[in-house]
Amino acid sequence: MFDILYYEAPTDEIFNEVKEACIKVWKTYDNEFGYVDEKVGRIQNISNVKDNLMFMVAMFDHHNKQRLSQIISEEARLAIVDRIKSGYNKQSLGMDMELNPFM
């Protein structure tokens, strides 16, 4: 069962920083088929409630999570790591925490 932290909103500062960084990463891709518009549209008007921080992070594959982790502050990375740890279940995720790109 997930710990409650996974579902708690971070500070507005962290949320907005990660939100802007996610949009920045998405906008590096070709939007020929509207894929970028779709992803950015999902993020743009999202508010800082419950697990929306993790929703934005989960939209990325491992490679893009690495890119995201490189452009956010240490404080934002730690907020994500803490939430991943609180929701971590090795069996359900099928990965080791050592593979977490935010650590």
N, C-alpha and C. Protein backbone atom coordinates (compact mmCIF):
# COMPACT_ATOMS: atom_id res chain seq x y z
N MET A 1 0.85 -1.19 0.00
CA MET A 1 0.00 0.00 0.00
C MET A 1 0.89 1.25 0.00
N PHE A 2 0.46 2.28 -0.72
CA PHE A 2 1.25 3.48 -0.83
C PHE A 2 1.16 4.33 0.43
N ASP A 3 2.29 4.91 0.80
CA ASP A 3 2.34 5.87 1.89
C ASP A 3 1.64 7.14 1.41
N ILE A 4 1.11 7.90 2.31
CA ILE A 4 0.33 9.09 1.96
C ILE A 4 1.17 10.17 1.26
N LEU A 5 2.47 10.24 1.50
CA LEU A 5 3.30 11.29 0.89
C LEU A 5 3.19 11.28 -0.63
N TYR A 6 3.12 10.13 -1.23
CA TYR A 6 3.01 10.03 -2.69
C TYR A 6 1.85 10.89 -3.20
N TYR A 7 0.79 10.96 -2.45
CA TYR A 7 -0.42 11.66 -2.87
C TYR A 7 -0.53 13.08 -2.32
N GLU A 8 0.50 13.55 -1.65
CA GLU A 8 0.48 14.91 -1.11
C GLU A 8 1.14 15.87 -2.09
N ALA A 9 0.54 17.02 -2.24
CA ALA A 9 1.10 18.05 -3.11
C ALA A 9 2.35 18.65 -2.47
N PRO A 10 3.36 18.97 -3.30
CA PRO A 10 4.54 19.65 -2.78
C PRO A 10 4.25 21.14 -2.61
N THR A 11 5.26 21.91 -2.28
CA THR A 11 5.07 23.36 -2.23
C THR A 11 4.75 23.86 -3.64
N ASP A 12 4.10 25.00 -3.71
CA ASP A 12 3.79 25.57 -5.02
C ASP A 12 5.05 25.87 -5.81
N GLU A 13 6.10 26.29 -5.12
CA GLU A 13 7.37 26.60 -5.81
C GLU A 13 7.93 25.37 -6.51
N ILE A 14 7.95 24.25 -5.81
CA ILE A 14 8.47 23.01 -6.41
C ILE A 14 7.56 22.56 -7.54
N PHE A 15 6.27 22.59 -7.31
CA PHE A 15 5.33 22.16 -8.34
C PHE A 15 5.49 22.99 -9.61
N ASN A 16 5.54 24.30 -9.46
CA ASN A 16 5.65 25.18 -10.63
C ASN A 16 6.99 25.00 -11.34
N GLU A 17 8.05 24.78 -10.58
CA GLU A 17 9.36 24.53 -11.19
C GLU A 17 9.34 23.26 -12.04
N VAL A 18 8.79 22.20 -11.49
CA VAL A 18 8.73 20.93 -12.22
C VAL A 18 7.79 21.04 -13.41
N LYS A 19 6.70 21.72 -13.24
CA LYS A 19 5.74 21.92 -14.33
C LYS A 19 6.42 22.64 -15.51
N GLU A 20 7.11 23.73 -15.22
CA GLU A 20 7.82 24.48 -16.27
C GLU A 20 8.90 23.62 -16.93
N ALA A 21 9.61 22.84 -16.13
CA ALA A 21 10.67 21.97 -16.67
C ALA A 21 10.08 20.87 -17.56
N CYS A 22 8.94 20.32 -17.15
CA CYS A 22 8.29 19.29 -17.97
C CYS A 22 7.88 19.86 -19.33
N ILE A 23 7.30 21.03 -19.30
CA ILE A 23 6.90 21.67 -20.55
C ILE A 23 8.12 21.95 -21.42
N LYS A 24 9.20 22.39 -20.80
CA LYS A 24 10.44 22.66 -21.54
C LYS A 24 10.95 21.39 -22.23
N VAL A 25 10.94 20.27 -21.52
CA VAL A 25 11.40 19.00 -22.12
C VAL A 25 10.48 18.60 -23.27
N TRP A 26 9.18 18.67 -23.07
CA TRP A 26 8.26 18.29 -24.15
C TRP A 26 8.46 19.16 -25.39
N LYS A 27 8.73 20.45 -25.18
CA LYS A 27 8.86 21.35 -26.32
C LYS A 27 10.15 21.17 -27.12
N THR A 28 11.01 20.27 -26.67
CA THR A 28 12.22 19.97 -27.46
C THR A 28 11.92 18.97 -28.57
N TYR A 29 10.72 18.42 -28.58
CA TYR A 29 10.36 17.40 -29.56
C TYR A 29 9.56 17.98 -30.71
N ASP A 30 9.60 17.29 -31.84
CA ASP A 30 8.86 17.67 -33.04
C ASP A 30 7.36 17.50 -32.77
N ASN A 31 6.60 18.48 -33.15
CA ASN A 31 5.16 18.47 -32.90
C ASN A 31 4.37 18.18 -34.18
N GLU A 32 4.97 17.51 -35.10
CA GLU A 32 4.35 17.28 -36.40
C GLU A 32 2.94 16.67 -36.29
N PHE A 33 2.75 15.75 -35.39
CA PHE A 33 1.46 15.07 -35.26
C PHE A 33 0.66 15.53 -34.04
N GLY A 34 1.06 16.65 -33.44
CA GLY A 34 0.33 17.21 -32.31
C GLY A 34 0.62 16.55 -30.97
N TYR A 35 1.60 15.64 -30.95
CA TYR A 35 1.91 14.92 -29.72
C TYR A 35 2.38 15.85 -28.61
N VAL A 36 3.24 16.80 -28.96
CA VAL A 36 3.75 17.75 -27.97
C VAL A 36 2.60 18.62 -27.45
N ASP A 37 1.75 19.10 -28.35
CA ASP A 37 0.60 19.90 -27.93
C ASP A 37 -0.29 19.13 -26.96
N GLU A 38 -0.48 17.84 -27.23
CA GLU A 38 -1.30 17.00 -26.36
C GLU A 38 -0.69 16.90 -24.96
N LYS A 39 0.60 16.62 -24.90
CA LYS A 39 1.27 16.46 -23.60
C LYS A 39 1.33 17.79 -22.85
N VAL A 40 1.71 18.86 -23.53
CA VAL A 40 1.78 20.17 -22.88
C VAL A 40 0.38 20.61 -22.44
N GLY A 41 -0.62 20.31 -23.24
CA GLY A 41 -2.00 20.64 -22.88
C GLY A 41 -2.45 19.97 -21.60
N ARG A 42 -1.98 18.76 -21.38
CA ARG A 42 -2.33 18.03 -20.15
C ARG A 42 -1.67 18.68 -18.93
N ILE A 43 -0.51 19.28 -19.13
CA ILE A 43 0.26 19.85 -18.03
C ILE A 43 -0.10 21.31 -17.76
N GLN A 44 -0.31 22.07 -18.81
CA GLN A 44 -0.43 23.53 -18.71
C GLN A 44 -1.40 24.02 -17.65
N ASN A 45 -2.56 23.46 -17.57
CA ASN A 45 -3.57 23.95 -16.64
C ASN A 45 -3.75 23.08 -15.41
N ILE A 46 -2.83 22.16 -15.20
CA ILE A 46 -2.91 21.27 -14.04
C ILE A 46 -2.58 22.06 -12.77
N SER A 47 -3.27 21.76 -11.71
CA SER A 47 -3.02 22.48 -10.46
C SER A 47 -2.28 21.60 -9.46
N ASN A 48 -1.77 22.23 -8.45
CA ASN A 48 -0.95 21.55 -7.45
C ASN A 48 -1.82 20.90 -6.39
N VAL A 49 -2.41 19.79 -6.75
CA VAL A 49 -3.21 19.02 -5.81
C VAL A 49 -2.82 17.55 -5.90
N LYS A 50 -2.97 16.88 -4.78
CA LYS A 50 -2.74 15.45 -4.66
C LYS A 50 -1.45 15.01 -5.35
N ASP A 51 -1.53 14.03 -6.26
CA ASP A 51 -0.34 13.46 -6.89
C ASP A 51 -0.06 14.03 -8.29
N ASN A 52 -0.52 15.26 -8.56
CA ASN A 52 -0.29 15.84 -9.88
C ASN A 52 1.19 16.04 -10.20
N LEU A 53 2.02 16.25 -9.18
CA LEU A 53 3.47 16.33 -9.42
C LEU A 53 3.95 15.02 -10.04
N MET A 54 3.55 13.91 -9.45
CA MET A 54 3.99 12.61 -9.92
C MET A 54 3.34 12.25 -11.26
N PHE A 55 2.14 12.75 -11.51
CA PHE A 55 1.48 12.56 -12.80
C PHE A 55 2.34 13.15 -13.92
N MET A 56 2.84 14.37 -13.68
CA MET A 56 3.68 15.02 -14.71
C MET A 56 4.97 14.23 -14.94
N VAL A 57 5.58 13.78 -13.87
CA VAL A 57 6.83 13.03 -13.97
C VAL A 57 6.59 11.69 -14.69
N ALA A 58 5.49 11.05 -14.37
CA ALA A 58 5.18 9.73 -14.94
C ALA A 58 4.91 9.77 -16.44
N MET A 59 4.69 10.95 -16.99
CA MET A 59 4.43 11.07 -18.43
C MET A 59 5.69 10.77 -19.26
N PHE A 60 6.85 10.77 -18.61
CA PHE A 60 8.11 10.59 -19.33
C PHE A 60 8.64 9.17 -19.24
N ASP A 61 9.37 8.78 -20.28
CA ASP A 61 10.12 7.52 -20.22
C ASP A 61 11.39 7.77 -19.41
N HIS A 62 12.17 6.72 -19.20
CA HIS A 62 13.36 6.81 -18.35
C HIS A 62 14.35 7.87 -18.86
N HIS A 63 14.58 7.89 -20.16
CA HIS A 63 15.52 8.85 -20.75
C HIS A 63 15.11 10.29 -20.47
N ASN A 64 13.83 10.58 -20.64
CA ASN A 64 13.35 11.94 -20.42
C ASN A 64 13.25 12.28 -18.94
N LYS A 65 13.06 11.29 -18.09
CA LYS A 65 13.13 11.53 -16.65
C LYS A 65 14.55 11.94 -16.27
N GLN A 66 15.54 11.34 -16.91
CA GLN A 66 16.93 11.74 -16.68
C GLN A 66 17.13 13.19 -17.11
N ARG A 67 16.62 13.55 -18.27
CA ARG A 67 16.74 14.93 -18.76
C ARG A 67 16.06 15.89 -17.79
N LEU A 68 14.87 15.53 -17.33
CA LEU A 68 14.14 16.36 -16.39
C LEU A 68 14.92 16.54 -15.09
N SER A 69 15.48 15.45 -14.59
CA SER A 69 16.21 15.52 -13.32
C SER A 69 17.43 16.43 -13.40
N GLN A 70 17.96 16.61 -14.59
CA GLN A 70 19.14 17.45 -14.78
C GLN A 70 18.82 18.94 -14.82
N ILE A 71 17.56 19.29 -15.04
CA ILE A 71 17.24 20.71 -15.16
C ILE A 71 16.40 21.25 -14.01
N ILE A 72 16.10 20.40 -13.03
CA ILE A 72 15.36 20.88 -11.86
C ILE A 72 16.30 21.00 -10.67
N SER A 73 15.88 21.74 -9.69
CA SER A 73 16.71 21.96 -8.50
C SER A 73 16.83 20.68 -7.67
N GLU A 74 17.81 20.69 -6.80
CA GLU A 74 17.99 19.56 -5.89
C GLU A 74 16.76 19.39 -5.00
N GLU A 75 16.20 20.50 -4.57
CA GLU A 75 15.01 20.45 -3.73
C GLU A 75 13.85 19.77 -4.46
N ALA A 76 13.67 20.08 -5.72
CA ALA A 76 12.61 19.46 -6.51
C ALA A 76 12.89 17.97 -6.72
N ARG A 77 14.15 17.63 -7.02
CA ARG A 77 14.52 16.21 -7.17
C ARG A 77 14.22 15.44 -5.89
N LEU A 78 14.57 16.02 -4.75
CA LEU A 78 14.33 15.33 -3.48
C LEU A 78 12.84 15.16 -3.21
N ALA A 79 12.03 16.13 -3.58
CA ALA A 79 10.58 16.00 -3.40
C ALA A 79 10.05 14.83 -4.23
N ILE A 80 10.58 14.67 -5.44
CA ILE A 80 10.16 13.57 -6.31
C ILE A 80 10.67 12.24 -5.74
N VAL A 81 11.93 12.21 -5.34
CA VAL A 81 12.51 10.98 -4.77
C VAL A 81 11.72 10.54 -3.54
N ASP A 82 11.43 11.46 -2.66
CA ASP A 82 10.67 11.11 -1.45
C ASP A 82 9.31 10.52 -1.80
N ARG A 83 8.67 11.06 -2.80
CA ARG A 83 7.36 10.53 -3.20
C ARG A 83 7.50 9.18 -3.89
N ILE A 84 8.54 9.00 -4.68
CA ILE A 84 8.77 7.70 -5.30
C ILE A 84 9.04 6.65 -4.22
N LYS A 85 9.88 7.01 -3.26
CA LYS A 85 10.17 6.07 -2.16
C LYS A 85 8.92 5.72 -1.38
N SER A 86 8.07 6.69 -1.14
CA SER A 86 6.86 6.42 -0.35
C SER A 86 5.90 5.50 -1.09
N GLY A 87 5.94 5.54 -2.41
CA GLY A 87 5.06 4.69 -3.21
C GLY A 87 5.77 3.49 -3.79
N TYR A 88 7.01 3.27 -3.37
CA TYR A 88 7.83 2.22 -3.96
C TYR A 88 7.39 0.83 -3.53
N ASN A 89 7.20 0.00 -4.50
CA ASN A 89 6.92 -1.41 -4.29
C ASN A 89 7.68 -2.14 -5.38
N LYS A 90 8.81 -2.72 -5.04
CA LYS A 90 9.70 -3.32 -6.04
C LYS A 90 8.97 -4.31 -6.94
N GLN A 91 8.07 -5.08 -6.38
CA GLN A 91 7.35 -6.05 -7.19
C GLN A 91 6.47 -5.37 -8.24
N SER A 92 5.74 -4.34 -7.83
CA SER A 92 4.82 -3.72 -8.77
C SER A 92 5.54 -2.85 -9.80
N LEU A 93 6.64 -2.23 -9.41
CA LEU A 93 7.38 -1.39 -10.35
C LEU A 93 8.35 -2.19 -11.21
N GLY A 94 8.78 -3.32 -10.69
CA GLY A 94 9.70 -4.17 -11.44
C GLY A 94 11.07 -3.54 -11.63
N MET A 95 11.50 -2.69 -10.72
CA MET A 95 12.81 -2.07 -10.85
C MET A 95 13.42 -1.82 -9.48
N ASP A 96 14.71 -1.64 -9.48
CA ASP A 96 15.41 -1.29 -8.25
C ASP A 96 15.44 0.22 -8.10
N MET A 97 15.46 0.69 -6.87
CA MET A 97 15.52 2.13 -6.63
C MET A 97 16.81 2.73 -7.20
N GLU A 98 17.85 1.92 -7.36
CA GLU A 98 19.09 2.43 -7.92
C GLU A 98 18.91 2.94 -9.35
N LEU A 99 17.87 2.49 -10.02
CA LEU A 99 17.61 2.93 -11.39
C LEU A 99 16.81 4.24 -11.44
N ASN A 100 16.45 4.74 -10.30
CA ASN A 100 15.67 5.98 -10.23
C ASN A 100 16.51 7.15 -10.74
N PRO A 101 16.12 7.79 -11.84
CA PRO A 101 16.93 8.87 -12.41
C PRO A 101 16.99 10.13 -11.55
N PHE A 102 16.17 10.22 -10.52
CA PHE A 102 16.16 11.42 -9.68
C PHE A 102 17.08 11.28 -8.47
N MET A 103 17.66 10.10 -8.29
CA MET A 103 18.54 9.89 -7.14
C MET A 103 19.96 10.22 -7.50
